[in-house]
N, C-alpha and C. Protein backbone atom coordinates (compact mmCIF):
# COMPACT_ATOMS: atom_id res chain seq x y z
N MET A 1 -47.85 50.27 16.39
CA MET A 1 -47.51 49.60 17.37
C MET A 1 -47.60 50.18 18.91
N LYS A 2 -48.61 50.26 19.69
CA LYS A 2 -48.20 51.06 20.80
C LYS A 2 -47.23 50.40 21.73
N LEU A 3 -46.46 51.13 22.19
CA LEU A 3 -45.29 50.61 23.29
C LEU A 3 -45.35 51.53 24.24
N ARG A 4 -45.20 50.88 25.45
CA ARG A 4 -45.20 51.15 26.82
C ARG A 4 -43.43 51.43 26.99
N MET A 5 -43.12 52.58 27.42
CA MET A 5 -41.61 52.98 27.83
C MET A 5 -41.29 53.57 28.92
N ALA A 6 -39.59 53.35 29.21
CA ALA A 6 -39.53 53.88 30.34
C ALA A 6 -38.10 54.68 30.25
N ALA A 7 -38.00 56.37 30.81
CA ALA A 7 -37.15 56.85 30.69
C ALA A 7 -36.27 57.10 32.08
N PRO A 8 -35.50 56.12 32.29
CA PRO A 8 -34.64 56.31 33.61
C PRO A 8 -33.92 57.58 33.70
N CYS A 9 -33.99 58.44 34.85
CA CYS A 9 -33.25 59.72 34.84
C CYS A 9 -32.88 59.62 36.44
N LEU A 10 -32.01 60.92 36.77
CA LEU A 10 -31.30 61.08 38.30
C LEU A 10 -32.51 61.44 38.83
N PHE A 11 -32.57 61.21 40.17
CA PHE A 11 -33.35 61.63 41.13
C PHE A 11 -33.56 62.91 41.09
N GLY A 12 -34.79 63.57 40.94
CA GLY A 12 -35.20 65.14 40.92
C GLY A 12 -35.54 65.44 39.39
N LEU A 13 -35.05 64.73 38.59
CA LEU A 13 -35.56 65.07 37.44
C LEU A 13 -36.62 64.50 36.70
N GLU A 14 -37.45 63.75 37.18
CA GLU A 14 -38.41 62.91 36.92
C GLU A 14 -39.56 64.14 36.38
N LYS A 15 -39.74 65.15 36.87
CA LYS A 15 -40.68 66.06 36.40
C LYS A 15 -39.96 66.58 35.04
N PRO A 16 -39.16 67.29 35.27
CA PRO A 16 -38.73 68.01 33.76
C PRO A 16 -38.85 66.81 32.69
N VAL A 17 -38.09 65.73 32.96
CA VAL A 17 -38.04 64.65 32.06
C VAL A 17 -39.82 64.07 31.32
N ALA A 18 -40.78 64.06 32.57
CA ALA A 18 -42.24 64.06 32.07
C ALA A 18 -42.91 65.05 31.34
N ASP A 19 -42.65 66.40 31.69
CA ASP A 19 -42.79 67.41 30.77
C ASP A 19 -42.49 67.32 29.72
N GLU A 20 -41.07 66.89 29.19
CA GLU A 20 -40.35 66.84 27.77
C GLU A 20 -41.14 65.61 27.00
N LEU A 21 -41.52 64.75 27.73
CA LEU A 21 -41.90 63.72 26.76
C LEU A 21 -43.68 64.05 26.66
N LYS A 22 -44.38 64.91 27.33
CA LYS A 22 -45.68 65.17 27.41
C LYS A 22 -45.38 66.20 26.00
N ASP A 23 -44.67 67.31 26.17
CA ASP A 23 -44.50 67.91 24.86
C ASP A 23 -44.01 67.11 23.58
N MET A 24 -43.41 66.18 23.63
CA MET A 24 -43.36 65.22 22.64
C MET A 24 -44.52 64.57 22.00
N GLY A 25 -45.61 64.46 22.75
CA GLY A 25 -46.87 64.04 22.43
C GLY A 25 -46.68 62.59 23.24
N ALA A 26 -46.34 61.92 24.07
CA ALA A 26 -46.30 60.86 25.01
C ALA A 26 -47.62 61.09 25.87
N GLY A 27 -48.48 59.73 25.81
CA GLY A 27 -49.64 59.53 26.62
C GLY A 27 -49.28 58.82 27.69
N ALA A 28 -49.78 58.81 28.70
CA ALA A 28 -50.14 57.94 29.73
C ALA A 28 -48.55 57.93 30.94
N VAL A 29 -48.24 59.58 31.02
CA VAL A 29 -47.18 59.91 31.57
C VAL A 29 -46.87 60.05 33.00
N THR A 30 -46.36 58.66 33.78
CA THR A 30 -46.22 58.72 35.03
C THR A 30 -45.07 58.73 35.30
N ALA A 31 -44.40 59.33 36.41
CA ALA A 31 -43.09 59.66 37.04
C ALA A 31 -43.01 58.99 38.36
N GLU A 32 -42.05 58.16 38.76
CA GLU A 32 -41.56 57.40 39.76
C GLU A 32 -40.15 57.84 40.20
N ASN A 33 -39.78 57.55 41.24
CA ASN A 33 -38.74 57.45 41.80
C ASN A 33 -37.40 57.40 40.65
N GLY A 34 -36.81 58.39 39.68
CA GLY A 34 -35.75 57.96 39.15
C GLY A 34 -36.24 57.30 37.73
N CYS A 35 -37.49 57.31 37.70
CA CYS A 35 -38.02 56.86 36.27
C CYS A 35 -39.35 57.49 35.94
N VAL A 36 -39.45 57.66 34.59
CA VAL A 36 -40.46 58.14 33.86
C VAL A 36 -41.04 57.23 33.24
N TYR A 37 -42.36 56.72 33.24
CA TYR A 37 -43.31 55.41 32.20
C TYR A 37 -44.11 56.25 31.29
N PHE A 38 -44.13 56.12 30.16
CA PHE A 38 -44.98 56.51 29.18
C PHE A 38 -45.38 55.92 27.92
N GLU A 39 -46.38 56.15 27.35
CA GLU A 39 -46.63 55.20 26.14
C GLU A 39 -46.83 55.91 24.76
N GLY A 40 -46.67 55.67 23.44
CA GLY A 40 -46.33 56.35 22.37
C GLY A 40 -46.02 55.01 21.27
N ASP A 41 -46.02 55.44 20.07
CA ASP A 41 -45.36 54.80 18.88
C ASP A 41 -44.02 54.67 18.65
N GLU A 42 -43.76 53.88 17.81
CA GLU A 42 -42.34 53.75 16.91
C GLU A 42 -41.57 55.17 17.13
N ALA A 43 -42.56 56.19 16.56
CA ALA A 43 -41.99 57.47 15.86
C ALA A 43 -41.68 58.19 17.29
N LEU A 44 -42.46 57.82 18.23
CA LEU A 44 -42.08 58.69 19.53
C LEU A 44 -40.79 57.82 20.31
N LEU A 45 -41.11 56.81 20.25
CA LEU A 45 -39.33 56.12 20.57
C LEU A 45 -38.35 56.47 19.79
N ALA A 46 -38.33 56.82 18.89
CA ALA A 46 -37.16 57.77 18.08
C ALA A 46 -36.94 59.41 18.45
N ARG A 47 -38.28 59.90 18.60
CA ARG A 47 -38.38 61.36 18.97
C ARG A 47 -37.62 61.29 20.14
N ALA A 48 -37.81 60.32 21.47
CA ALA A 48 -37.59 60.62 22.74
C ALA A 48 -35.93 60.73 22.96
N ASN A 49 -35.42 59.27 22.00
CA ASN A 49 -34.07 59.15 22.01
C ASN A 49 -33.30 60.57 21.40
N ILE A 50 -33.91 61.48 20.34
CA ILE A 50 -33.16 62.25 19.87
C ILE A 50 -33.75 63.37 20.67
N ARG A 51 -34.67 63.57 21.27
CA ARG A 51 -34.63 64.86 21.76
C ARG A 51 -34.97 65.33 23.10
N SER A 52 -34.78 63.65 24.17
CA SER A 52 -34.49 64.10 25.54
C SER A 52 -33.54 64.75 26.21
N ARG A 53 -33.59 65.38 27.02
CA ARG A 53 -32.29 66.27 27.50
C ARG A 53 -32.09 65.70 29.03
N PHE A 54 -32.97 65.05 29.40
CA PHE A 54 -32.98 64.94 31.13
C PHE A 54 -32.99 63.32 31.05
N ALA A 55 -33.26 62.45 30.10
CA ALA A 55 -33.55 60.85 30.35
C ALA A 55 -31.95 60.74 30.20
N GLU A 56 -31.89 59.52 30.91
CA GLU A 56 -30.52 58.65 30.67
C GLU A 56 -30.37 57.69 29.60
N ARG A 57 -31.49 57.38 29.13
CA ARG A 57 -31.71 56.35 28.05
C ARG A 57 -33.44 56.07 27.69
N ILE A 58 -33.61 55.71 26.91
CA ILE A 58 -35.22 55.31 26.47
C ILE A 58 -35.22 53.61 26.68
N ARG A 59 -35.90 53.12 27.43
CA ARG A 59 -36.32 51.90 27.43
C ARG A 59 -37.69 51.20 26.90
N VAL A 60 -37.98 50.13 26.29
CA VAL A 60 -39.30 49.66 25.87
C VAL A 60 -39.40 48.71 26.74
N VAL A 61 -40.29 48.44 27.68
CA VAL A 61 -40.77 48.06 28.75
C VAL A 61 -41.78 46.67 28.33
N VAL A 62 -41.17 45.93 27.96
CA VAL A 62 -41.64 44.22 27.40
C VAL A 62 -42.86 43.87 28.45
N GLY A 63 -42.63 43.87 29.75
CA GLY A 63 -43.63 43.20 30.86
C GLY A 63 -43.29 43.75 32.13
N ALA A 64 -44.33 43.55 33.36
CA ALA A 64 -44.05 43.26 34.65
C ALA A 64 -44.63 42.16 35.23
N PHE A 65 -44.45 41.74 36.21
CA PHE A 65 -45.04 41.01 36.80
C PHE A 65 -44.50 40.48 38.30
N PRO A 66 -45.34 40.13 39.23
CA PRO A 66 -44.93 39.82 40.40
C PRO A 66 -44.00 38.56 40.57
N ALA A 67 -42.86 38.31 41.23
CA ALA A 67 -42.05 37.24 40.79
C ALA A 67 -41.22 37.15 42.30
N THR A 68 -41.53 36.19 43.23
CA THR A 68 -40.89 35.76 44.37
C THR A 68 -39.74 34.34 44.62
N THR A 69 -40.35 33.71 43.64
CA THR A 69 -39.36 32.60 43.44
C THR A 69 -38.70 32.37 41.82
N PHE A 70 -37.74 31.80 41.59
CA PHE A 70 -37.37 31.44 40.26
C PHE A 70 -38.10 31.07 39.69
N THR A 71 -38.81 30.06 39.90
CA THR A 71 -39.53 29.21 39.04
C THR A 71 -40.77 30.36 38.38
N GLU A 72 -41.08 31.44 39.54
CA GLU A 72 -42.27 32.23 38.71
C GLU A 72 -41.49 33.49 37.85
N LEU A 73 -40.36 33.79 38.25
CA LEU A 73 -39.36 34.41 37.41
C LEU A 73 -39.28 33.99 35.89
N PHE A 74 -39.12 32.86 35.95
CA PHE A 74 -38.72 32.00 34.71
C PHE A 74 -40.10 32.04 33.87
N ASP A 75 -40.99 31.47 34.58
CA ASP A 75 -42.65 31.54 33.86
C ASP A 75 -42.84 32.64 33.34
N GLY A 76 -42.68 33.53 34.16
CA GLY A 76 -43.25 35.32 33.91
C GLY A 76 -42.42 35.76 32.58
N VAL A 77 -41.16 35.59 32.52
CA VAL A 77 -40.01 36.03 31.57
C VAL A 77 -40.63 35.20 29.93
N LYS A 78 -40.89 34.05 30.37
CA LYS A 78 -41.30 33.12 29.30
C LYS A 78 -42.51 33.44 28.49
N ALA A 79 -43.59 33.93 29.44
CA ALA A 79 -45.00 34.18 28.91
C ALA A 79 -44.81 35.49 27.95
N LEU A 80 -43.82 36.53 28.19
CA LEU A 80 -43.49 37.46 27.52
C LEU A 80 -43.54 37.25 26.03
N PRO A 81 -43.97 38.65 25.00
CA PRO A 81 -43.97 38.28 23.82
C PRO A 81 -42.37 38.69 23.18
N TRP A 82 -41.28 37.82 23.41
CA TRP A 82 -40.17 38.41 23.20
C TRP A 82 -39.93 38.21 21.54
N GLU A 83 -40.63 37.50 20.87
CA GLU A 83 -40.51 37.59 19.44
C GLU A 83 -41.17 38.82 18.73
N ASP A 84 -42.05 39.66 19.32
CA ASP A 84 -42.29 40.99 18.77
C ASP A 84 -40.97 41.99 18.81
N TYR A 85 -40.03 41.62 19.59
CA TYR A 85 -39.18 42.62 19.84
C TYR A 85 -37.54 42.23 19.40
N ILE A 86 -37.38 40.71 19.77
CA ILE A 86 -36.09 40.42 19.42
C ILE A 86 -35.95 39.38 18.03
N PRO A 87 -35.24 39.70 17.11
CA PRO A 87 -35.36 38.92 15.68
C PRO A 87 -34.52 37.72 16.11
N ARG A 88 -34.42 36.84 14.95
CA ARG A 88 -34.39 35.38 15.58
C ARG A 88 -33.05 35.23 15.59
N GLU A 89 -32.21 36.32 14.92
CA GLU A 89 -30.57 35.93 15.21
C GLU A 89 -29.97 37.36 15.98
N GLY A 90 -30.91 38.10 16.63
CA GLY A 90 -30.67 39.35 17.54
C GLY A 90 -29.95 38.78 18.73
N ALA A 91 -28.91 39.40 18.94
CA ALA A 91 -28.36 39.12 20.42
C ALA A 91 -28.98 39.42 21.73
N PHE A 92 -28.90 39.13 22.76
CA PHE A 92 -29.68 39.53 23.71
C PHE A 92 -29.12 39.46 25.38
N PRO A 93 -28.13 40.44 25.41
CA PRO A 93 -27.50 40.19 26.80
C PRO A 93 -28.11 40.91 27.96
N VAL A 94 -28.44 40.20 29.36
CA VAL A 94 -29.03 40.47 30.25
C VAL A 94 -28.08 41.21 31.23
N LYS A 95 -28.53 42.34 31.53
CA LYS A 95 -28.18 42.94 32.91
C LYS A 95 -29.57 42.98 34.16
N GLY A 96 -29.01 43.45 35.22
CA GLY A 96 -30.24 43.34 36.29
C GLY A 96 -29.94 43.84 37.61
N TRP A 97 -30.66 44.42 38.23
CA TRP A 97 -30.58 44.65 39.85
C TRP A 97 -31.60 44.30 40.53
N SER A 98 -31.37 44.24 41.89
CA SER A 98 -32.63 43.72 42.69
C SER A 98 -32.63 44.80 43.90
N LEU A 99 -33.81 45.03 44.32
CA LEU A 99 -33.80 45.83 45.47
C LEU A 99 -35.22 45.58 46.28
N ASN A 100 -34.75 45.33 47.88
CA ASN A 100 -35.95 44.97 48.46
C ASN A 100 -36.71 43.68 48.00
N SER A 101 -36.26 42.67 47.24
CA SER A 101 -36.57 41.64 46.64
C SER A 101 -36.22 40.22 47.20
N ALA A 102 -37.26 39.08 47.11
CA ALA A 102 -36.96 37.86 47.96
C ALA A 102 -35.68 37.38 46.79
N LEU A 103 -36.01 37.78 45.40
CA LEU A 103 -34.73 37.19 44.55
C LEU A 103 -34.07 38.38 44.81
N HIS A 104 -32.83 37.99 45.47
CA HIS A 104 -31.55 39.10 45.39
C HIS A 104 -30.39 38.92 44.85
N SER A 105 -30.13 37.44 44.37
CA SER A 105 -29.14 37.00 43.71
C SER A 105 -29.15 37.70 41.87
N VAL A 106 -28.55 38.74 41.63
CA VAL A 106 -28.56 39.30 40.33
C VAL A 106 -28.20 38.08 39.64
N PRO A 107 -26.76 37.44 39.58
CA PRO A 107 -26.31 36.70 38.50
C PRO A 107 -27.27 35.69 38.36
N ASP A 108 -27.81 34.86 39.36
CA ASP A 108 -28.64 33.88 39.16
C ASP A 108 -29.91 34.40 38.11
N CYS A 109 -30.56 35.36 38.92
CA CYS A 109 -31.78 36.01 37.68
C CYS A 109 -31.41 36.55 36.38
N GLN A 110 -30.24 36.93 36.49
CA GLN A 110 -30.02 37.16 34.85
C GLN A 110 -29.77 35.78 34.22
N ALA A 111 -29.20 34.77 34.71
CA ALA A 111 -29.11 33.67 34.05
C ALA A 111 -30.48 33.17 33.66
N ILE A 112 -31.55 33.13 34.78
CA ILE A 112 -32.80 32.34 34.48
C ILE A 112 -33.57 33.41 33.38
N VAL A 113 -33.37 34.65 33.42
CA VAL A 113 -33.82 35.42 32.42
C VAL A 113 -33.47 35.21 31.05
N LYS A 114 -32.14 35.02 30.85
CA LYS A 114 -31.64 34.53 29.65
C LYS A 114 -32.26 33.37 29.09
N LYS A 115 -32.18 32.51 29.93
CA LYS A 115 -32.53 31.15 29.46
C LYS A 115 -34.22 31.16 29.06
N ALA A 116 -34.91 31.86 29.99
CA ALA A 116 -36.67 31.92 29.58
C ALA A 116 -36.75 32.58 28.28
N ILE A 117 -35.95 33.87 28.07
CA ILE A 117 -35.90 34.53 26.73
C ILE A 117 -35.49 33.31 25.65
N ALA A 118 -34.55 32.79 25.97
CA ALA A 118 -33.93 31.50 24.82
C ALA A 118 -35.06 30.73 24.35
N ALA A 119 -36.04 30.26 25.53
CA ALA A 119 -36.86 29.24 25.34
C ALA A 119 -37.83 29.90 24.54
N ARG A 120 -38.10 31.04 24.61
CA ARG A 120 -39.32 31.40 24.24
C ARG A 120 -39.15 31.63 22.82
N LEU A 121 -38.25 32.24 22.35
CA LEU A 121 -37.55 32.72 21.03
C LEU A 121 -37.59 31.45 20.12
N GLY A 122 -36.65 30.70 20.98
CA GLY A 122 -36.45 29.05 20.14
C GLY A 122 -37.84 28.63 19.89
N GLY A 123 -38.94 28.76 20.73
CA GLY A 123 -39.93 28.04 20.07
C GLY A 123 -40.66 28.80 19.19
N ALA A 124 -40.66 30.26 19.09
CA ALA A 124 -41.28 31.16 18.71
C ALA A 124 -40.75 30.74 16.67
N CYS A 125 -39.23 30.30 16.90
CA CYS A 125 -38.31 30.26 15.53
C CYS A 125 -38.16 28.85 15.27
N GLY A 126 -38.62 28.25 16.27
CA GLY A 126 -38.46 26.70 15.35
C GLY A 126 -36.97 26.15 15.94
N MET A 127 -36.31 26.76 16.68
CA MET A 127 -34.82 26.74 17.01
C MET A 127 -34.36 25.83 18.27
N GLU A 128 -33.71 25.10 18.42
CA GLU A 128 -33.18 24.66 20.19
C GLU A 128 -32.01 25.75 20.57
N ARG A 129 -31.30 26.29 19.81
CA ARG A 129 -30.07 26.76 19.82
C ARG A 129 -30.26 28.42 19.10
N LEU A 130 -30.31 29.51 19.66
CA LEU A 130 -30.26 31.09 18.78
C LEU A 130 -28.58 31.05 18.69
N PRO A 131 -28.38 31.80 17.32
CA PRO A 131 -27.42 32.08 17.04
C PRO A 131 -26.71 33.21 17.44
N GLU A 132 -27.76 34.04 17.82
CA GLU A 132 -27.39 35.91 18.74
C GLU A 132 -26.21 36.18 17.85
N THR A 133 -26.27 36.18 16.40
CA THR A 133 -24.92 37.17 15.92
C THR A 133 -25.59 38.39 15.23
N GLY A 134 -26.44 38.69 15.54
CA GLY A 134 -27.43 40.11 15.03
C GLY A 134 -26.65 41.22 15.90
N ALA A 135 -27.53 42.07 15.74
CA ALA A 135 -27.82 43.65 16.46
C ALA A 135 -28.25 43.16 17.90
N PRO A 136 -27.55 44.11 18.87
CA PRO A 136 -27.77 43.66 20.12
C PRO A 136 -28.84 44.06 20.62
N TYR A 137 -29.65 43.62 21.59
CA TYR A 137 -30.97 43.83 21.72
C TYR A 137 -30.73 43.96 23.23
N PRO A 138 -30.03 44.76 24.02
CA PRO A 138 -29.90 44.82 25.70
C PRO A 138 -31.19 44.60 26.56
N VAL A 139 -31.49 43.38 27.31
CA VAL A 139 -32.41 43.16 28.42
C VAL A 139 -31.86 43.59 29.64
N THR A 140 -32.61 44.52 30.34
CA THR A 140 -32.51 44.45 31.88
C THR A 140 -33.64 44.07 32.80
N VAL A 141 -33.66 43.49 33.52
CA VAL A 141 -34.24 42.55 34.59
C VAL A 141 -34.43 43.49 36.02
N SER A 142 -35.11 44.29 36.16
CA SER A 142 -35.45 45.08 37.50
C SER A 142 -36.19 44.40 38.70
N LEU A 143 -35.72 44.23 39.72
CA LEU A 143 -36.56 43.46 40.59
C LEU A 143 -36.55 44.25 41.93
N LEU A 144 -37.69 44.85 42.05
CA LEU A 144 -38.05 45.93 43.12
C LEU A 144 -39.15 45.52 44.14
N LYS A 145 -39.14 45.19 44.94
CA LYS A 145 -40.40 44.93 46.01
C LYS A 145 -41.15 43.74 45.25
N ASP A 146 -40.35 42.71 45.18
CA ASP A 146 -40.75 41.36 44.28
C ASP A 146 -41.59 41.69 42.99
N ARG A 147 -41.40 42.69 42.36
CA ARG A 147 -42.13 42.77 41.21
C ARG A 147 -40.94 42.89 39.99
N ALA A 148 -41.10 42.02 39.05
CA ALA A 148 -40.08 41.77 38.05
C ALA A 148 -40.52 42.98 36.74
N THR A 149 -39.80 43.80 36.25
CA THR A 149 -39.88 44.43 35.20
C THR A 149 -38.71 44.11 34.01
N LEU A 150 -39.27 43.92 33.11
CA LEU A 150 -38.34 43.60 31.86
C LEU A 150 -38.24 44.49 30.87
N THR A 151 -37.28 45.03 30.54
CA THR A 151 -37.30 46.12 28.97
C THR A 151 -36.00 45.66 28.26
N ILE A 152 -36.06 46.39 27.12
CA ILE A 152 -35.18 46.62 26.08
C ILE A 152 -34.30 47.57 25.91
N ASP A 153 -33.25 47.75 26.08
CA ASP A 153 -32.68 49.34 25.87
C ASP A 153 -32.91 49.88 24.15
N ALA A 154 -33.30 51.02 23.96
CA ALA A 154 -33.51 51.29 22.79
C ALA A 154 -32.62 52.43 22.55
N SER A 155 -31.45 52.84 23.36
CA SER A 155 -30.79 54.09 23.53
C SER A 155 -29.27 53.74 22.77
N GLY A 156 -28.74 52.54 22.85
CA GLY A 156 -27.52 52.45 22.84
C GLY A 156 -26.52 52.57 24.01
N GLU A 157 -25.57 53.79 23.29
CA GLU A 157 -24.70 54.56 24.41
C GLU A 157 -25.99 55.23 25.15
N GLY A 158 -25.68 55.47 26.61
CA GLY A 158 -26.39 56.38 27.11
C GLY A 158 -26.60 57.98 26.67
N LEU A 159 -27.87 58.49 26.69
CA LEU A 159 -28.28 59.91 26.16
C LEU A 159 -27.18 60.88 26.68
N HIS A 160 -26.96 60.87 27.79
CA HIS A 160 -25.85 61.92 28.69
C HIS A 160 -24.81 62.02 28.02
N LYS A 161 -24.14 61.05 27.11
CA LYS A 161 -22.97 60.93 26.57
C LYS A 161 -22.83 61.45 25.10
N ARG A 162 -23.90 61.93 24.59
CA ARG A 162 -24.08 62.45 23.28
C ARG A 162 -23.44 63.85 23.29
N GLY A 163 -22.56 63.74 21.85
CA GLY A 163 -21.75 65.11 22.09
C GLY A 163 -20.46 64.90 22.55
N TYR A 164 -19.99 63.95 23.57
CA TYR A 164 -18.50 63.95 24.16
C TYR A 164 -17.45 63.40 22.80
N ARG A 165 -16.81 64.07 22.94
CA ARG A 165 -15.52 63.30 22.28
C ARG A 165 -14.82 61.79 23.09
N ARG A 166 -14.60 60.80 22.42
CA ARG A 166 -14.05 59.83 23.20
C ARG A 166 -12.64 59.99 23.54
N ASN A 167 -11.88 60.79 22.56
CA ASN A 167 -10.28 60.76 23.21
C ASN A 167 -10.20 62.43 23.24
N ALA A 168 -9.68 62.98 24.20
CA ALA A 168 -9.51 64.46 24.74
C ALA A 168 -8.52 64.76 23.75
N ASN A 169 -7.61 64.32 22.95
CA ASN A 169 -6.92 65.14 21.88
C ASN A 169 -7.43 64.96 20.81
N ASP A 170 -8.60 64.90 20.20
CA ASP A 170 -9.36 64.90 19.10
C ASP A 170 -9.40 66.38 18.56
């Protein structure tokens, strides 16, 4: 399965992130402010999580669309194929941010995204209420200049924290 992915990073590190992703075999690599987008398969997703030295995490891009109203946000999120990424018992906490967008109430946007994903998954699974007892699939909604981008975190704990001890006295 071909995936569109994003590797958020600190400003100024976009080129090193893009270069290392190209070296890993990523296709369609494009750098933007603080993020590098790329394409590849599940093997590249795993490789990027293991070998990336500059990215903060790796996210799978589920979709992007213009959204200036809550209705457009709900309809756009519900139209995305969430059942391809989140299993029926999967938990999907939603985080988000907004910058220069008409939709600037992040808590409201998070609630709408959560409701839309639940509606889509519930319809696909034939359930009114999803248990969310399984593994977490953290969803991020990014609203930048009236464009919503929905991603699922594929890294868990941030990549920059790998190798550090949790307790100083260990």
